[in-house]
Amino acid sequence: MVFLLGASGYIGQAFANELSHRKIPFTPLSRREIDYANFRTLRAALLKTKPDFVINAAGFTGKPNVDACEN
């Protein structure tokens, strides 16, 4: 099973489509479903699902704008 982070984004959707097309089981997750910037939350989710692979298609753009990424 594949754990797909950032599944609702542009690249994540492309991965989800390809995994579905190839009939590869995966768990799609978006930032709304799990705070994967929080180590404990992410670790708990990984320990619970025990995926074989993790695809990280999540991006960080910063808020309120991209300049926030530099701080």
PDB file of N, CA and C in Angstrom:
ATOM      1  N   MET A   1       0.832  -1.172   0.000  1.00  0.00           N
ATOM      2  CA  MET A   1       0.000   0.000   0.000  1.00  0.00           C
ATOM      3  C   MET A   1       0.881   1.240   0.000  1.00  0.00           C
ATOM      4  N   VAL A   2       0.435   2.258  -0.700  1.00  0.00           N
ATOM      5  CA  VAL A   2       1.167   3.514  -0.829  1.00  0.00           C
ATOM      6  C   VAL A   2       0.442   4.596  -0.035  1.00  0.00           C
ATOM      7  N   PHE A   3       1.195   5.372   0.689  1.00  0.00           N
ATOM      8  CA  PHE A   3       0.705   6.509   1.468  1.00  0.00           C
ATOM      9  C   PHE A   3       1.021   7.744   0.636  1.00  0.00           C
ATOM     10  N   LEU A   4       0.000   8.444   0.141  1.00  0.00           N
ATOM     11  CA  LEU A   4       0.198   9.579  -0.761  1.00  0.00           C
ATOM     12  C   LEU A   4      -0.116  10.885  -0.051  1.00  0.00           C
ATOM     13  N   LEU A   5       0.932  11.630   0.285  1.00  0.00           N
ATOM     14  CA  LEU A   5       0.769  12.937   0.921  1.00  0.00           C
ATOM     15  C   LEU A   5       0.607  14.001  -0.158  1.00  0.00           C
ATOM     16  N   GLY A   6      -0.259  14.960   0.083  1.00  0.00           N
ATOM     17  CA  GLY A   6      -0.485  16.014  -0.894  1.00  0.00           C
ATOM     18  C   GLY A   6      -1.360  15.563  -2.044  1.00  0.00           C
ATOM     19  N   ALA A   7      -2.257  14.640  -1.768  1.00  0.00           N
ATOM     20  CA  ALA A   7      -3.076  14.024  -2.819  1.00  0.00           C
ATOM     21  C   ALA A   7      -4.021  14.997  -3.515  1.00  0.00           C
ATOM     22  N   SER A   8      -4.357  16.109  -2.881  1.00  0.00           N
ATOM     23  CA  SER A   8      -5.306  17.037  -3.504  1.00  0.00           C
ATOM     24  C   SER A   8      -4.618  18.088  -4.371  1.00  0.00           C
ATOM     25  N   GLY A   9      -3.295  18.123  -4.360  1.00  0.00           N
ATOM     26  CA  GLY A   9      -2.561  19.086  -5.181  1.00  0.00           C
ATOM     27  C   GLY A   9      -2.402  18.607  -6.615  1.00  0.00           C
ATOM     28  N   TYR A  10      -1.804  19.450  -7.420  1.00  0.00           N
ATOM     29  CA  TYR A  10      -1.638  19.155  -8.846  1.00  0.00           C
ATOM     30  C   TYR A  10      -0.834  17.874  -9.070  1.00  0.00           C
ATOM     31  N   ILE A  11       0.328  17.775  -8.458  1.00  0.00           N
ATOM     32  CA  ILE A  11       1.177  16.591  -8.631  1.00  0.00           C
ATOM     33  C   ILE A  11       0.572  15.390  -7.916  1.00  0.00           C
ATOM     34  N   GLY A  12       0.002  15.624  -6.735  1.00  0.00           N
ATOM     35  CA  GLY A  12      -0.639  14.542  -5.991  1.00  0.00           C
ATOM     36  C   GLY A  12      -1.782  13.909  -6.768  1.00  0.00           C
ATOM     37  N   GLN A  13      -2.554  14.740  -7.457  1.00  0.00           N
ATOM     38  CA  GLN A  13      -3.655  14.209  -8.269  1.00  0.00           C
ATOM     39  C   GLN A  13      -3.127  13.360  -9.416  1.00  0.00           C
ATOM     40  N   ALA A  14      -2.010  13.767  -9.997  1.00  0.00           N
ATOM     41  CA  ALA A  14      -1.410  12.977 -11.080  1.00  0.00           C
ATOM     42  C   ALA A  14      -0.941  11.621 -10.554  1.00  0.00           C
ATOM     43  N   PHE A  15      -0.320  11.621  -9.368  1.00  0.00           N
ATOM     44  CA  PHE A  15       0.074  10.347  -8.751  1.00  0.00           C
ATOM     45  C   PHE A  15      -1.156   9.490  -8.467  1.00  0.00           C
ATOM     46  N   ALA A  16      -2.202  10.090  -7.908  1.00  0.00           N
ATOM     47  CA  ALA A  16      -3.419   9.344  -7.581  1.00  0.00           C
ATOM     48  C   ALA A  16      -4.029   8.723  -8.837  1.00  0.00           C
ATOM     49  N   ASN A  17      -4.072   9.476  -9.923  1.00  0.00           N
ATOM     50  CA  ASN A  17      -4.613   8.948 -11.181  1.00  0.00           C
ATOM     51  C   ASN A  17      -3.781   7.773 -11.685  1.00  0.00           C
ATOM     52  N   GLU A  18      -2.467   7.901 -11.611  1.00  0.00           N
ATOM     53  CA  GLU A  18      -1.584   6.831 -12.092  1.00  0.00           C
ATOM     54  C   GLU A  18      -1.694   5.588 -11.211  1.00  0.00           C
ATOM     55  N   LEU A  19      -1.727   5.783  -9.904  1.00  0.00           N
ATOM     56  CA  LEU A  19      -1.872   4.639  -8.996  1.00  0.00           C
ATOM     57  C   LEU A  19      -3.208   3.933  -9.235  1.00  0.00           C
ATOM     58  N   SER A  20      -4.263   4.709  -9.410  1.00  0.00           N
ATOM     59  CA  SER A  20      -5.585   4.120  -9.689  1.00  0.00           C
ATOM     60  C   SER A  20      -5.566   3.353 -11.005  1.00  0.00           C
ATOM     61  N   HIS A  21      -4.982   3.969 -12.028  1.00  0.00           N
ATOM     62  CA  HIS A  21      -4.902   3.341 -13.346  1.00  0.00           C
ATOM     63  C   HIS A  21      -4.170   1.995 -13.278  1.00  0.00           C
ATOM     64  N   ARG A  22      -3.131   1.941 -12.460  1.00  0.00           N
ATOM     65  CA  ARG A  22      -2.346   0.706 -12.315  1.00  0.00           C
ATOM     66  C   ARG A  22      -2.912  -0.236 -11.254  1.00  0.00           C
ATOM     67  N   LYS A  23      -4.035   0.160 -10.666  1.00  0.00           N
ATOM     68  CA  LYS A  23      -4.714  -0.637  -9.634  1.00  0.00           C
ATOM     69  C   LYS A  23      -3.802  -0.916  -8.436  1.00  0.00           C
ATOM     70  N   ILE A  24      -3.022   0.095  -8.073  1.00  0.00           N
ATOM     71  CA  ILE A  24      -2.143   0.012  -6.902  1.00  0.00           C
ATOM     72  C   ILE A  24      -2.885   0.629  -5.723  1.00  0.00           C
ATOM     73  N   PRO A  25      -3.066  -0.125  -4.646  1.00  0.00           N
ATOM     74  CA  PRO A  25      -3.786   0.424  -3.494  1.00  0.00           C
ATOM     75  C   PRO A  25      -3.001   1.566  -2.839  1.00  0.00           C
ATOM     76  N   PHE A  26      -3.721   2.643  -2.517  1.00  0.00           N
ATOM     77  CA  PHE A  26      -3.071   3.783  -1.880  1.00  0.00           C
ATOM     78  C   PHE A  26      -4.051   4.510  -0.967  1.00  0.00           C
ATOM     79  N   THR A  27      -3.480   5.229  -0.028  1.00  0.00           N
ATOM     80  CA  THR A  27      -4.259   6.064   0.879  1.00  0.00           C
ATOM     81  C   THR A  27      -3.934   7.512   0.549  1.00  0.00           C
ATOM     82  N   PRO A  28      -4.890   8.239  -0.063  1.00  0.00           N
ATOM     83  CA  PRO A  28      -4.636   9.638  -0.390  1.00  0.00           C
ATOM     84  C   PRO A  28      -4.894  10.535   0.822  1.00  0.00           C
ATOM     85  N   LEU A  29      -3.955  11.412   1.100  1.00  0.00           N
ATOM     86  CA  LEU A  29      -4.114  12.333   2.221  1.00  0.00           C
ATOM     87  C   LEU A  29      -3.794  13.752   1.788  1.00  0.00           C
ATOM     88  N   SER A  30      -4.603  14.667   2.276  1.00  0.00           N
ATOM     89  CA  SER A  30      -4.341  16.082   2.028  1.00  0.00           C
ATOM     90  C   SER A  30      -4.083  16.763   3.365  1.00  0.00           C
ATOM     91  N   ARG A  31      -3.647  17.992   3.308  1.00  0.00           N
ATOM     92  CA  ARG A  31      -3.349  18.745   4.525  1.00  0.00           C
ATOM     93  C   ARG A  31      -4.609  18.924   5.382  1.00  0.00           C
ATOM     94  N   ARG A  32      -5.772  18.911   4.751  1.00  0.00           N
ATOM     95  CA  ARG A  32      -7.034  19.023   5.502  1.00  0.00           C
ATOM     96  C   ARG A  32      -7.275  17.804   6.387  1.00  0.00           C
ATOM     97  N   GLU A  33      -6.781  16.656   5.954  1.00  0.00           N
ATOM     98  CA  GLU A  33      -7.010  15.407   6.685  1.00  0.00           C
ATOM     99  C   GLU A  33      -5.950  15.127   7.739  1.00  0.00           C
ATOM    100  N   ILE A  34      -4.734  15.574   7.488  1.00  0.00           N
ATOM    101  CA  ILE A  34      -3.642  15.312   8.429  1.00  0.00           C
ATOM    102  C   ILE A  34      -2.620  16.449   8.343  1.00  0.00           C
ATOM    103  N   ASP A  35      -2.141  16.862   9.492  1.00  0.00           N
ATOM    104  CA  ASP A  35      -1.110  17.902   9.542  1.00  0.00           C
ATOM    105  C   ASP A  35       0.244  17.222   9.419  1.00  0.00           C
ATOM    106  N   TYR A  36       0.707  17.021   8.184  1.00  0.00           N
ATOM    107  CA  TYR A  36       1.957  16.284   8.012  1.00  0.00           C
ATOM    108  C   TYR A  36       3.185  17.148   8.233  1.00  0.00           C
ATOM    109  N   ALA A  37       2.996  18.392   8.615  1.00  0.00           N
ATOM    110  CA  ALA A  37       4.123  19.214   9.064  1.00  0.00           C
ATOM    111  C   ALA A  37       4.416  18.935  10.539  1.00  0.00           C
ATOM    112  N   ASN A  38       3.478  18.264  11.203  1.00  0.00           N
ATOM    113  CA  ASN A  38       3.632  17.901  12.611  1.00  0.00           C
ATOM    114  C   ASN A  38       4.169  16.468  12.674  1.00  0.00           C
ATOM    115  N   PHE A  39       5.397  16.315  13.168  1.00  0.00           N
ATOM    116  CA  PHE A  39       6.052  15.004  13.177  1.00  0.00           C
ATOM    117  C   PHE A  39       5.228  13.951  13.908  1.00  0.00           C
ATOM    118  N   ARG A  40       4.698  14.286  15.067  1.00  0.00           N
ATOM    119  CA  ARG A  40       3.950  13.290  15.856  1.00  0.00           C
ATOM    120  C   ARG A  40       2.692  12.823  15.135  1.00  0.00           C
ATOM    121  N   THR A  41       2.000  13.744  14.517  1.00  0.00           N
ATOM    122  CA  THR A  41       0.787  13.391  13.772  1.00  0.00           C
ATOM    123  C   THR A  41       1.124  12.482  12.593  1.00  0.00           C
ATOM    124  N   LEU A  42       2.156  12.855  11.856  1.00  0.00           N
ATOM    125  CA  LEU A  42       2.562  12.053  10.701  1.00  0.00           C
ATOM    126  C   LEU A  42       3.049  10.675  11.131  1.00  0.00           C
ATOM    127  N   ARG A  43       3.853  10.633  12.175  1.00  0.00           N
ATOM    128  CA  ARG A  43       4.368   9.354  12.678  1.00  0.00           C
ATOM    129  C   ARG A  43       3.229   8.431  13.097  1.00  0.00           C
ATOM    130  N   ALA A  44       2.240   8.977  13.803  1.00  0.00           N
ATOM    131  CA  ALA A  44       1.095   8.174  14.241  1.00  0.00           C
ATOM    132  C   ALA A  44       0.340   7.603  13.043  1.00  0.00           C
ATOM    133  N   ALA A  45       0.150   8.413  12.016  1.00  0.00           N
ATOM    134  CA  ALA A  45      -0.556   7.945  10.819  1.00  0.00           C
ATOM    135  C   ALA A  45       0.233   6.848  10.108  1.00  0.00           C
ATOM    136  N   LEU A  46       1.550   7.006  10.045  1.00  0.00           N
ATOM    137  CA  LEU A  46       2.385   5.986   9.400  1.00  0.00           C
ATOM    138  C   LEU A  46       2.391   4.684  10.191  1.00  0.00           C
ATOM    139  N   LEU A  47       2.462   4.786  11.502  1.00  0.00           N
ATOM    140  CA  LEU A  47       2.442   3.578  12.335  1.00  0.00           C
ATOM    141  C   LEU A  47       1.091   2.866  12.251  1.00  0.00           C
ATOM    142  N   LYS A  48       0.031   3.637  12.102  1.00  0.00           N
ATOM    143  CA  LYS A  48      -1.313   3.050  12.019  1.00  0.00           C
ATOM    144  C   LYS A  48      -1.526   2.326  10.687  1.00  0.00           C
ATOM    145  N   THR A  49      -1.118   2.941   9.589  1.00  0.00           N
ATOM    146  CA  THR A  49      -1.387   2.366   8.266  1.00  0.00           C
ATOM    147  C   THR A  49      -0.284   1.439   7.769  1.00  0.00           C
ATOM    148  N   LYS A  50       0.942   1.609   8.268  1.00  0.00           N
ATOM    149  CA  LYS A  50       2.093   0.782   7.880  1.00  0.00           C
ATOM    150  C   LYS A  50       2.216   0.618   6.358  1.00  0.00           C
ATOM    151  N   PRO A  51       2.383   1.729   5.650  1.00  0.00           N
ATOM    152  CA  PRO A  51       2.486   1.641   4.191  1.00  0.00           C
ATOM    153  C   PRO A  51       3.804   1.001   3.755  1.00  0.00           C
ATOM    154  N   ASP A  52       3.796   0.446   2.552  1.00  0.00           N
ATOM    155  CA  ASP A  52       5.024  -0.094   1.965  1.00  0.00           C
ATOM    156  C   ASP A  52       5.874   1.033   1.376  1.00  0.00           C
ATOM    157  N   PHE A  53       5.188   2.055   0.870  1.00  0.00           N
ATOM    158  CA  PHE A  53       5.856   3.200   0.250  1.00  0.00           C
ATOM    159  C   PHE A  53       5.150   4.480   0.664  1.00  0.00           C
ATOM    160  N   VAL A  54       5.899   5.576   0.666  1.00  0.00           N
ATOM    161  CA  VAL A  54       5.339   6.902   0.920  1.00  0.00           C
ATOM    162  C   VAL A  54       5.732   7.797  -0.246  1.00  0.00           C
ATOM    163  N   ILE A  55       4.741   8.452  -0.830  1.00  0.00           N
ATOM    164  CA  ILE A  55       5.005   9.460  -1.857  1.00  0.00           C
ATOM    165  C   ILE A  55       4.651  10.802  -1.239  1.00  0.00           C
ATOM    166  N   ASN A  56       5.628  11.694  -1.188  1.00  0.00           N
ATOM    167  CA  ASN A  56       5.388  13.019  -0.636  1.00  0.00           C
ATOM    168  C   ASN A  56       5.256  14.013  -1.781  1.00  0.00           C
ATOM    169  N   ALA A  57       4.014  14.303  -2.145  1.00  0.00           N
ATOM    170  CA  ALA A  57       3.736  15.280  -3.193  1.00  0.00           C
ATOM    171  C   ALA A  57       3.232  16.580  -2.575  1.00  0.00           C
ATOM    172  N   ALA A  58       3.415  16.717  -1.270  1.00  0.00           N
ATOM    173  CA  ALA A  58       2.957  17.911  -0.563  1.00  0.00           C
ATOM    174  C   ALA A  58       3.941  19.048  -0.779  1.00  0.00           C
ATOM    175  N   GLY A  59       3.408  20.223  -0.901  1.00  0.00           N
ATOM    176  CA  GLY A  59       4.247  21.404  -1.058  1.00  0.00           C
ATOM    177  C   GLY A  59       4.010  22.380   0.076  1.00  0.00           C
ATOM    178  N   PHE A  60       4.962  23.251   0.287  1.00  0.00           N
ATOM    179  CA  PHE A  60       4.804  24.313   1.280  1.00  0.00           C
ATOM    180  C   PHE A  60       5.009  25.625   0.555  1.00  0.00           C
ATOM    181  N   THR A  61       3.962  26.412   0.495  1.00  0.00           N
ATOM    182  CA  THR A  61       4.054  27.680  -0.219  1.00  0.00           C
ATOM    183  C   THR A  61       4.206  28.858   0.716  1.00  0.00           C
ATOM    184  N   GLY A  62       3.918  28.659   1.979  1.00  0.00           N
ATOM    185  CA  GLY A  62       4.009  29.766   2.924  1.00  0.00           C
ATOM    186  C   GLY A  62       2.760  30.614   2.893  1.00  0.00           C
ATOM    187  N   LYS A  63       2.428  31.153   4.028  1.00  0.00           N
ATOM    188  CA  LYS A  63       1.258  32.028   4.103  1.00  0.00           C
ATOM    189  C   LYS A  63       1.662  33.253   4.878  1.00  0.00           C
ATOM    190  N   PRO A  64       1.331  34.402   4.491  1.00  0.00           N
ATOM    191  CA  PRO A  64       0.353  34.764   3.467  1.00  0.00           C
ATOM    192  C   PRO A  64       0.893  34.719   2.043  1.00  0.00           C
ATOM    193  N   ASN A  65       2.220  34.586   1.873  1.00  0.00           N
ATOM    194  CA  ASN A  65       2.779  34.517   0.527  1.00  0.00           C
ATOM    195  C   ASN A  65       4.059  33.682   0.544  1.00  0.00           C
ATOM    196  N   VAL A  66       4.652  33.519  -0.610  1.00  0.00           N
ATOM    197  CA  VAL A  66       5.820  32.649  -0.732  1.00  0.00           C
ATOM    198  C   VAL A  66       7.011  33.153   0.084  1.00  0.00           C
ATOM    199  N   ASP A  67       7.073  34.440   0.376  1.00  0.00           N
ATOM    200  CA  ASP A  67       8.170  34.975   1.193  1.00  0.00           C
ATOM    201  C   ASP A  67       8.194  34.362   2.584  1.00  0.00           C
ATOM    202  N   ALA A  68       7.054  33.887   3.065  1.00  0.00           N
ATOM    203  CA  ALA A  68       6.986  33.268   4.393  1.00  0.00           C
ATOM    204  C   ALA A  68       7.815  31.987   4.454  1.00  0.00           C
ATOM    205  N   CYS A  69       8.082  31.353   3.321  1.00  0.00           N
ATOM    206  CA  CYS A  69       8.894  30.130   3.294  1.00  0.00           C
ATOM    207  C   CYS A  69      10.333  30.406   3.714  1.00  0.00           C
ATOM    208  N   GLU A  70      10.781  31.623   3.515  1.00  0.00           N
ATOM    209  CA  GLU A  70      12.165  31.958   3.824  1.00  0.00           C
ATOM    210  C   GLU A  70      12.383  32.245   5.298  1.00  0.00           C
ATOM    211  N   ASN A  71      11.321  32.396   6.050  1.00  0.00           N
ATOM    212  CA  ASN A  71      11.445  32.692   7.487  1.00  0.00           C
ATOM    213  C   ASN A  71      11.508  31.438   8.316  1.00  0.00           C
TER     214      ASN A  71
END
